[in-house]
Amino acid sequence: MSITITNTYGTPHNVSPTNPAHVTSCDAYRLPLTGTITPGVTPGYDDMVQMLKDNGHDTRPEGYGLVFLQSEEFSATYFGSIAQIEQYQRENTNGKAAFDASQGVVYAKWPQGKGWDDFIPRTFWNVAARGGIADGVGLITAFAHTETPGAEVIVYEFEGKWSPSSEPNQLVTYHCTACHLDTFHDSGHLHENTGPTSRRWAARQARQHILSAHRDGVGGTNSACRRDAARRERGRPRHARHHGQHPPRHRRRVLRHQGPVLGHP
């Protein structure tokens, strides 16, 4: 499909040449989390390094130093020496230390599964320590609507409830200012915000929404971008409500993020 989806906020990402909704990489990352894993000490170590064994990269019997990288929509994991990561941690007290990724191996995305699920904490894009409203609350990225001048499809994190009686939870979704799709009444567009994978999926759906508008028009019978979208979505059984903040169609807050990134000069 011949279409270019342009960011109006956030870091531009590289997409598949055959599928503009599928992000393949990013040129700039934050380095929000570092750590080390060692055999006999780290629970689940053998399971955690199985991916390295399968790819012929299990070359450090003493263990590995790790850096978890993330952008708004993509993530990667660096495996290197423990000594390199410990040195980086000592030198990065001001957040400006250089990091050399050529000394190890980088895998796309953050690993999941036995061992990893307990090792990696939930990490949001918006963090209060960097000036965010709160951890996991705020704008993530936004795309210009290709068919409606001035409109955007906004991806954002927020604290909300799946139902009026449930406890508040960290969620992520998107909102189209051209059709005002009510994603809160559709569980397919609303996700628990557990980290980079959740943000990636929400942004993918935002791009798919724009692709549908480009292919089928705004208000078209087969289009996901419809003027009556809010009425169509109302009444779905699973929904979320905002907790303590207005959705971005009422307030588009732009947050500037600080901290080290890999790929920026």
Protein backbone atom coordinates (compact mmCIF):
# COMPACT_ATOMS: atom_id res chain seq x y z
CA MET A 1 0.00 0.00 0.00
CA SER A 2 1.46 3.36 -1.03
CA ILE A 3 1.15 5.43 2.12
CA THR A 4 3.52 7.21 4.47
CA ILE A 5 2.43 7.58 8.08
CA THR A 6 4.14 10.60 9.64
CA ASN A 7 4.81 11.20 13.33
CA THR A 8 3.49 14.41 14.85
CA TYR A 9 5.07 13.47 18.18
CA GLY A 10 7.64 10.90 19.22
CA THR A 11 10.50 9.12 17.52
CA PRO A 12 9.96 8.04 13.89
CA HIS A 13 10.28 4.27 13.48
CA ASN A 14 11.29 2.07 10.56
CA VAL A 15 8.43 0.01 9.10
CA SER A 16 8.11 -2.97 6.80
CA PRO A 17 8.15 -2.01 3.09
CA THR A 18 5.09 -4.18 2.53
CA ASN A 19 3.19 -3.37 5.73
CA PRO A 20 3.31 0.24 7.01
CA ALA A 21 1.69 -0.85 10.30
CA HIS A 22 4.54 -3.20 11.22
CA VAL A 23 7.53 -1.58 12.94
CA THR A 24 10.82 -3.34 12.29
CA SER A 25 13.33 -1.18 14.18
CA CYS A 26 14.18 2.20 15.62
CA ASP A 27 17.32 4.32 15.36
CA ALA A 28 17.18 5.74 18.89
CA TYR A 29 16.50 4.01 22.19
CA ARG A 30 16.41 4.74 25.88
CA LEU A 31 18.50 2.53 28.14
CA PRO A 32 16.16 2.37 31.14
CA LEU A 33 17.35 -0.87 32.73
CA THR A 34 20.64 -2.72 33.18
CA GLY A 35 21.52 -5.86 35.10
CA THR A 36 23.53 -9.07 35.25
CA ILE A 37 22.65 -12.76 35.31
CA THR A 38 24.98 -15.50 36.53
CA PRO A 39 24.69 -19.31 36.62
CA GLY A 40 23.94 -20.76 40.04
CA VAL A 41 22.82 -17.37 41.34
CA THR A 42 20.08 -16.05 39.03
CA PRO A 43 16.86 -18.10 39.35
CA GLY A 44 15.92 -19.63 36.00
CA TYR A 45 19.32 -18.86 34.46
CA ASP A 46 19.37 -21.92 32.19
CA ASP A 47 15.98 -21.03 30.76
CA MET A 48 16.98 -17.39 30.32
CA VAL A 49 20.04 -18.20 28.18
CA GLN A 50 18.32 -20.86 26.09
CA MET A 51 17.71 -18.28 23.35
CA LEU A 52 21.45 -17.62 23.22
CA LYS A 53 22.20 -21.34 23.00
CA ASP A 54 19.70 -21.80 20.19
CA ASN A 55 21.46 -19.10 18.15
CA GLY A 56 25.04 -20.04 18.95
CA HIS A 57 25.60 -16.99 21.16
CA ASP A 58 26.07 -18.66 24.56
CA THR A 59 29.76 -17.78 24.79
CA ARG A 60 30.13 -16.48 28.37
CA PRO A 61 30.06 -19.29 30.97
CA GLU A 62 30.49 -16.72 33.76
CA GLY A 63 27.18 -15.05 32.89
CA TYR A 64 26.01 -11.93 31.09
CA GLY A 65 25.64 -8.22 31.52
CA LEU A 66 22.35 -6.91 30.16
CA VAL A 67 20.98 -3.67 28.82
CA PHE A 68 17.27 -3.39 28.05
CA LEU A 69 16.64 -0.79 25.35
CA GLN A 70 13.29 0.74 24.48
CA SER A 71 11.73 3.29 22.17
CA GLU A 72 8.07 4.28 22.08
CA GLU A 73 7.21 1.26 19.92
CA PHE A 74 10.21 -1.05 19.83
CA SER A 75 12.56 -2.75 22.25
CA ALA A 76 15.81 -4.69 22.19
CA THR A 77 18.04 -6.58 24.61
CA TYR A 78 21.83 -6.41 24.70
CA PHE A 79 23.91 -9.32 26.01
CA GLY A 80 27.54 -8.55 26.83
CA SER A 81 30.14 -9.12 29.50
CA ILE A 82 29.39 -8.56 33.16
CA ALA A 83 32.50 -6.36 33.43
CA GLN A 84 31.28 -4.06 30.63
CA ILE A 85 27.87 -3.54 32.22
CA GLU A 86 29.29 -2.99 35.71
CA GLN A 87 31.65 -0.35 34.29
CA TYR A 88 28.77 1.29 32.41
CA GLN A 89 26.70 1.39 35.61
CA ARG A 90 29.58 3.08 37.51
CA GLU A 91 30.13 5.66 34.77
CA ASN A 92 26.45 6.38 34.11
CA THR A 93 25.61 8.08 37.38
CA ASN A 94 24.84 11.30 35.48
CA GLY A 95 22.99 9.48 32.68
CA LYS A 96 25.52 10.45 30.01
CA ALA A 97 27.90 7.49 29.81
CA ALA A 98 28.73 6.08 26.37
CA PHE A 99 27.63 2.54 25.62
CA ASP A 100 29.33 0.33 23.04
CA ALA A 101 26.88 -2.23 21.67
CA SER A 102 29.49 -3.76 19.36
CA GLN A 103 31.03 -5.71 22.26
CA GLY A 104 28.07 -8.07 22.55
CA VAL A 105 24.94 -9.21 20.75
CA VAL A 106 21.57 -7.45 20.44
CA TYR A 107 18.22 -9.24 20.15
CA ALA A 108 14.98 -7.59 19.03
CA LYS A 109 12.42 -7.11 21.82
CA TRP A 110 12.67 -7.89 25.52
CA PRO A 111 12.69 -11.62 26.31
CA GLN A 112 9.73 -13.27 27.97
CA GLY A 113 9.16 -16.59 29.67
CA LYS A 114 10.53 -18.54 32.61
CA GLY A 115 13.12 -16.53 34.51
CA TRP A 116 12.66 -13.37 32.47
CA ASP A 117 9.13 -12.64 33.67
CA ASP A 118 10.37 -12.35 37.26
CA PHE A 119 13.61 -10.56 36.35
CA ILE A 120 12.29 -7.66 34.24
CA PRO A 121 10.07 -5.14 36.08
CA ARG A 122 7.15 -3.42 34.36
CA THR A 123 8.66 -0.41 32.60
CA PHE A 124 6.55 2.47 31.26
CA TRP A 125 7.42 5.08 28.66
CA ASN A 126 6.18 8.00 30.78
CA VAL A 127 7.98 8.15 34.12
CA ALA A 128 7.41 10.71 36.86
CA ALA A 129 11.16 10.98 37.47
CA ARG A 130 11.57 12.30 33.91
CA GLY A 131 8.83 14.88 34.26
CA GLY A 132 5.81 12.73 33.43
CA ILE A 133 2.43 13.26 35.08
CA ALA A 134 2.96 9.88 36.74
CA ASP A 135 4.50 6.53 35.91
CA GLY A 136 2.57 5.16 32.96
CA VAL A 137 0.48 8.29 32.32
CA GLY A 138 0.91 10.50 29.28
CA LEU A 139 1.33 10.73 25.53
CA ILE A 140 3.48 8.06 23.88
CA THR A 141 3.35 8.95 20.19
CA ALA A 142 1.02 10.49 17.62
CA PHE A 143 0.51 10.16 13.87
CA ALA A 144 -0.91 12.61 11.37
CA HIS A 145 -4.22 11.46 9.90
CA THR A 146 -3.68 11.07 6.16
CA GLU A 147 -7.29 11.79 5.13
CA THR A 148 -8.44 14.49 7.57
CA PRO A 149 -6.19 17.59 7.69
CA GLY A 150 -5.19 18.52 11.22
CA ALA A 151 -6.42 15.27 12.77
CA GLU A 152 -4.18 12.83 14.63
CA VAL A 153 -4.23 9.31 15.96
CA ILE A 154 -2.76 9.53 19.45
CA VAL A 155 -1.29 6.65 21.47
CA TYR A 156 -1.14 7.13 25.21
CA GLU A 157 -0.75 5.50 28.60
CA PHE A 158 -3.18 6.12 31.43
CA GLU A 159 -4.51 4.76 34.70
CA GLY A 160 -8.01 3.35 34.35
CA LYS A 161 -10.48 0.67 35.36
CA TRP A 162 -11.75 -2.32 33.42
CA SER A 163 -15.06 -1.92 35.24
CA PRO A 164 -16.48 0.53 37.81
CA SER A 165 -15.87 -1.94 40.65
CA SER A 166 -12.34 -2.99 39.70
CA GLU A 167 -9.07 -1.57 41.00
CA PRO A 168 -7.25 1.05 38.89
CA ASN A 169 -4.76 -0.43 36.45
CA GLN A 170 -2.16 0.87 34.00
CA LEU A 171 -3.58 0.75 30.47
CA VAL A 172 -2.59 1.82 26.96
CA THR A 173 -4.76 2.64 23.95
CA TYR A 174 -5.12 5.07 21.04
CA HIS A 175 -7.58 7.78 20.03
CA CYS A 176 -8.44 9.16 16.58
CA THR A 177 -9.43 12.84 16.57
CA ALA A 178 -11.01 12.46 13.11
CA CYS A 179 -13.70 9.97 14.11
CA HIS A 180 -13.37 9.92 17.91
CA LEU A 181 -13.35 6.13 18.11
CA ASP A 182 -14.32 5.13 21.65
CA THR A 183 -11.64 2.53 22.36
CA PHE A 184 -12.69 2.25 26.01
CA HIS A 185 -15.69 0.14 25.05
CA ASP A 186 -13.71 -2.26 22.90
CA SER A 187 -11.30 -4.66 24.59
CA GLY A 188 -9.57 -5.26 21.26
CA HIS A 189 -8.15 -1.73 21.29
CA LEU A 190 -7.42 -1.44 25.00
CA HIS A 191 -4.47 -3.22 26.59
CA GLU A 192 -2.96 -3.73 30.00
CA ASN A 193 0.23 -1.68 29.98
CA THR A 194 2.96 -4.16 30.85
CA GLY A 195 5.84 -2.57 28.94
CA PRO A 196 7.21 -2.10 25.40
CA THR A 197 5.15 -4.92 23.86
CA SER A 198 1.89 -3.28 24.99
CA ARG A 199 2.90 0.08 23.54
CA ARG A 200 4.02 -1.56 20.30
CA TRP A 201 0.65 -3.27 19.86
CA ALA A 202 -1.36 -0.09 20.57
CA ALA A 203 0.74 1.90 18.08
CA ARG A 204 0.32 -0.85 15.48
CA GLN A 205 -3.45 -0.62 15.87
CA ALA A 206 -3.24 3.17 15.54
CA ARG A 207 -1.42 2.77 12.22
CA GLN A 208 -3.95 0.16 11.10
CA HIS A 209 -6.70 2.69 11.83
CA ILE A 210 -5.00 5.22 9.54
CA LEU A 211 -4.50 2.57 6.84
CA SER A 212 -8.20 1.74 6.95
CA ALA A 213 -9.11 5.41 6.53
CA HIS A 214 -6.69 5.67 3.59
CA ARG A 215 -8.04 2.51 1.95
CA ASP A 216 -11.77 2.84 2.67
CA GLY A 217 -12.20 6.54 3.44
CA VAL A 218 -13.39 8.33 6.56
CA GLY A 219 -16.97 7.29 7.11
CA GLY A 220 -16.82 4.51 4.53
CA THR A 221 -18.93 1.41 5.10
CA ASN A 222 -15.85 -0.80 5.48
CA SER A 223 -13.67 1.78 7.17
CA ALA A 224 -12.54 1.54 10.80
CA CYS A 225 -12.49 5.35 10.82
CA ARG A 226 -16.16 6.31 10.96
CA ARG A 227 -18.00 9.37 12.18
CA ASP A 228 -20.37 7.16 14.19
CA ALA A 229 -17.55 5.12 15.72
CA ALA A 230 -18.43 6.12 19.27
CA ARG A 231 -21.99 4.89 18.82
CA ARG A 232 -20.83 1.61 17.24
CA GLU A 233 -18.50 0.84 20.15
CA ARG A 234 -20.91 1.75 22.93
CA GLY A 235 -22.33 -1.20 24.81
CA ARG A 236 -19.41 -3.62 24.46
CA PRO A 237 -19.21 -5.77 27.60
CA ARG A 238 -15.62 -4.99 28.57
CA HIS A 239 -14.62 -1.40 29.09
CA ALA A 240 -12.29 0.92 30.92
CA ARG A 241 -12.85 4.28 32.53
CA HIS A 242 -10.32 7.01 33.07
CA HIS A 243 -9.17 7.43 36.61
CA GLY A 244 -8.17 10.94 37.55
CA GLN A 245 -7.36 12.34 34.12
CA HIS A 246 -9.05 13.45 30.93
CA PRO A 247 -8.45 11.60 27.66
CA PRO A 248 -6.16 13.34 25.14
CA ARG A 249 -9.00 14.57 22.92
CA HIS A 250 -9.61 17.07 25.73
CA ARG A 251 -5.99 17.69 26.63
CA ARG A 252 -3.02 16.83 24.39
CA ARG A 253 -0.12 17.02 26.81
CA VAL A 254 3.35 16.77 25.26
CA LEU A 255 6.06 15.54 27.59
CA ARG A 256 9.75 15.92 26.93
CA HIS A 257 11.72 12.83 27.90
CA GLN A 258 15.20 12.98 29.36
CA GLY A 259 17.79 10.23 29.72
CA PRO A 260 20.37 8.33 27.69
CA VAL A 261 19.46 6.94 24.30
CA LEU A 262 21.32 4.65 21.94
CA GLY A 263 21.47 5.91 18.38
CA HIS A 264 21.30 9.65 19.01
CA PRO A 265 24.54 11.68 18.78
